[in-house]
Amino acid sequence: MMARDHDGLPLVIMAAVPILAMQIGVRFVHFQAERKRSVRRFRRELISAGMSREQAARLAQAYHDAGSVRKMLRGARFSGW
C-alpha cells in the first residue's frame, strides 16, 4: 500500500526540475550583473578616493574574483565540503 502512495512522486519531481533550473539560472544572471556593477562602483570609489588607476584595477579584480561562483565551488570541493 505504501508504494502506491508514492507512485506519482517521480513525475512531480521531473515536473519541478525545469522550473527550478530556470529559477536558478535567472538568479545567477542577476547575481552576475550585480557583481559586475559592484566591481565597477568599487573601482570608481577607489579612484575617487585618490588611489592610482593601476592599484584600483588590481583591487577591483581581487574583489571581482572573491565573488566568483566557480572559485567558490572549487574551494568547497577541495575543502571536503
C-alpha atoms as a PDB file:
ATOM      1  CA  MET A   1       0.000   0.000   0.000  1.00  0.00           C
ATOM      2  CA  MET A   2       2.909   2.383   0.745  1.00  0.00           C
ATOM      3  CA  ALA A   3       4.329   2.134  -2.783  1.00  0.00           C
ATOM      4  CA  ARG A   4       1.034   3.334  -4.232  1.00  0.00           C
ATOM      5  CA  ASP A   5       1.206   6.498  -2.149  1.00  0.00           C
ATOM      6  CA  HIS A   6       4.447   7.495  -3.902  1.00  0.00           C
ATOM      7  CA  ASP A   7       3.684   6.368  -7.480  1.00  0.00           C
ATOM      8  CA  GLY A   8       3.378   9.961  -8.712  1.00  0.00           C
ATOM      9  CA  LEU A   9       6.428  11.283  -6.870  1.00  0.00           C
ATOM     10  CA  PRO A  10       8.940  10.791  -9.730  1.00  0.00           C
ATOM     11  CA  LEU A  11       6.566  12.644 -12.065  1.00  0.00           C
ATOM     12  CA  VAL A  12       6.217  15.530  -9.612  1.00  0.00           C
ATOM     13  CA  ILE A  13       9.996  15.764  -9.250  1.00  0.00           C
ATOM     14  CA  MET A  14      10.516  15.614 -13.029  1.00  0.00           C
ATOM     15  CA  ALA A  15       7.982  18.416 -13.490  1.00  0.00           C
ATOM     16  CA  ALA A  16       9.675  20.607 -10.873  1.00  0.00           C
ATOM     17  CA  VAL A  17      13.258  20.250 -12.163  1.00  0.00           C
ATOM     18  CA  PRO A  18      12.920  22.513 -15.254  1.00  0.00           C
ATOM     19  CA  ILE A  19      11.233  25.231 -13.194  1.00  0.00           C
ATOM     20  CA  LEU A  20      13.916  25.025 -10.527  1.00  0.00           C
ATOM     21  CA  ALA A  21      16.672  25.104 -13.151  1.00  0.00           C
ATOM     22  CA  MET A  22      15.142  28.184 -14.761  1.00  0.00           C
ATOM     23  CA  GLN A  23      14.829  29.979 -11.406  1.00  0.00           C
ATOM     24  CA  ILE A  24      18.453  29.197 -10.554  1.00  0.00           C
ATOM     25  CA  GLY A  25      19.554  30.413 -13.991  1.00  0.00           C
ATOM     26  CA  VAL A  26      17.677  33.700 -13.672  1.00  0.00           C
ATOM     27  CA  ARG A  27      19.049  34.300 -10.185  1.00  0.00           C
ATOM     28  CA  PHE A  28      22.570  33.525 -11.383  1.00  0.00           C
ATOM     29  CA  VAL A  29      22.287  36.064 -14.209  1.00  0.00           C
ATOM     30  CA  HIS A  30      21.028  38.683 -11.733  1.00  0.00           C
ATOM     31  CA  PHE A  31      23.913  37.842  -9.381  1.00  0.00           C
ATOM     32  CA  GLN A  32      26.449  38.215 -12.194  1.00  0.00           C
ATOM     33  CA  ALA A  33      25.010  41.578 -13.281  1.00  0.00           C
ATOM     34  CA  GLU A  34      25.007  42.926  -9.718  1.00  0.00           C
ATOM     35  CA  ARG A  35      28.544  41.651  -9.203  1.00  0.00           C
ATOM     36  CA  LYS A  36      29.709  43.494 -12.310  1.00  0.00           C
ATOM     37  CA  ARG A  37      28.025  46.735 -11.191  1.00  0.00           C
ATOM     38  CA  SER A  38      29.519  46.386  -7.708  1.00  0.00           C
ATOM     39  CA  VAL A  39      33.041  45.868  -9.024  1.00  0.00           C
ATOM     40  CA  ARG A  40      32.699  48.908 -11.270  1.00  0.00           C
ATOM     41  CA  ARG A  41      31.356  51.010  -8.382  1.00  0.00           C
ATOM     42  CA  PHE A  42      34.164  49.786  -6.082  1.00  0.00           C
ATOM     43  CA  ARG A  43      36.832  50.688  -8.661  1.00  0.00           C
ATOM     44  CA  ARG A  44      35.349  54.159  -9.210  1.00  0.00           C
ATOM     45  CA  GLU A  45      35.250  54.823  -5.469  1.00  0.00           C
ATOM     46  CA  LEU A  46      38.875  53.777  -5.029  1.00  0.00           C
ATOM     47  CA  ILE A  47      39.965  56.120  -7.825  1.00  0.00           C
ATOM     48  CA  SER A  48      37.847  58.988  -6.494  1.00  0.00           C
ATOM     49  CA  ALA A  49      39.450  58.471  -3.063  1.00  0.00           C
ATOM     50  CA  GLY A  50      42.863  59.096  -4.661  1.00  0.00           C
ATOM     51  CA  MET A  51      44.142  55.626  -5.442  1.00  0.00           C
ATOM     52  CA  SER A  52      46.031  55.156  -8.706  1.00  0.00           C
ATOM     53  CA  ARG A  53      44.111  53.542 -11.552  1.00  0.00           C
ATOM     54  CA  GLU A  54      46.522  50.599 -11.596  1.00  0.00           C
ATOM     55  CA  GLN A  55      46.144  49.857  -7.881  1.00  0.00           C
ATOM     56  CA  ALA A  56      42.379  50.334  -8.099  1.00  0.00           C
ATOM     57  CA  ALA A  57      42.226  47.932 -11.039  1.00  0.00           C
ATOM     58  CA  ARG A  58      44.165  45.273  -9.108  1.00  0.00           C
ATOM     59  CA  LEU A  59      41.960  45.614  -6.026  1.00  0.00           C
ATOM     60  CA  ALA A  60      38.807  45.645  -8.134  1.00  0.00           C
ATOM     61  CA  GLN A  61      39.976  42.452  -9.852  1.00  0.00           C
ATOM     62  CA  ALA A  62      40.561  40.822  -6.452  1.00  0.00           C
ATOM     63  CA  TYR A  63      37.073  41.956  -5.370  1.00  0.00           C
ATOM     64  CA  HIS A  64      35.646  40.505  -8.592  1.00  0.00           C
ATOM     65  CA  ASP A  65      37.474  37.199  -8.076  1.00  0.00           C
ATOM     66  CA  ALA A  66      36.205  36.930  -4.492  1.00  0.00           C
ATOM     67  CA  GLY A  67      32.648  36.736  -5.846  1.00  0.00           C
ATOM     68  CA  SER A  68      33.417  34.064  -8.434  1.00  0.00           C
ATOM     69  CA  VAL A  69      30.933  31.231  -8.086  1.00  0.00           C
ATOM     70  CA  ARG A  70      33.304  28.916  -9.944  1.00  0.00           C
ATOM     71  CA  LYS A  71      36.110  29.648  -7.467  1.00  0.00           C
ATOM     72  CA  MET A  72      33.734  29.269  -4.515  1.00  0.00           C
ATOM     73  CA  LEU A  73      32.600  25.869  -5.765  1.00  0.00           C
ATOM     74  CA  ARG A  74      36.170  24.791  -6.495  1.00  0.00           C
ATOM     75  CA  GLY A  75      37.183  25.840  -2.967  1.00  0.00           C
ATOM     76  CA  ALA A  76      34.242  23.955  -1.452  1.00  0.00           C
ATOM     77  CA  ARG A  77      35.176  20.839  -3.409  1.00  0.00           C
ATOM     78  CA  PHE A  78      38.756  20.866  -2.162  1.00  0.00           C
ATOM     79  CA  SER A  79      37.815  21.694   1.414  1.00  0.00           C
ATOM     80  CA  GLY A  80      35.917  18.425   1.725  1.00  0.00           C
ATOM     81  CA  TRP A  81      32.521  20.089   1.640  1.00  0.00           C
END
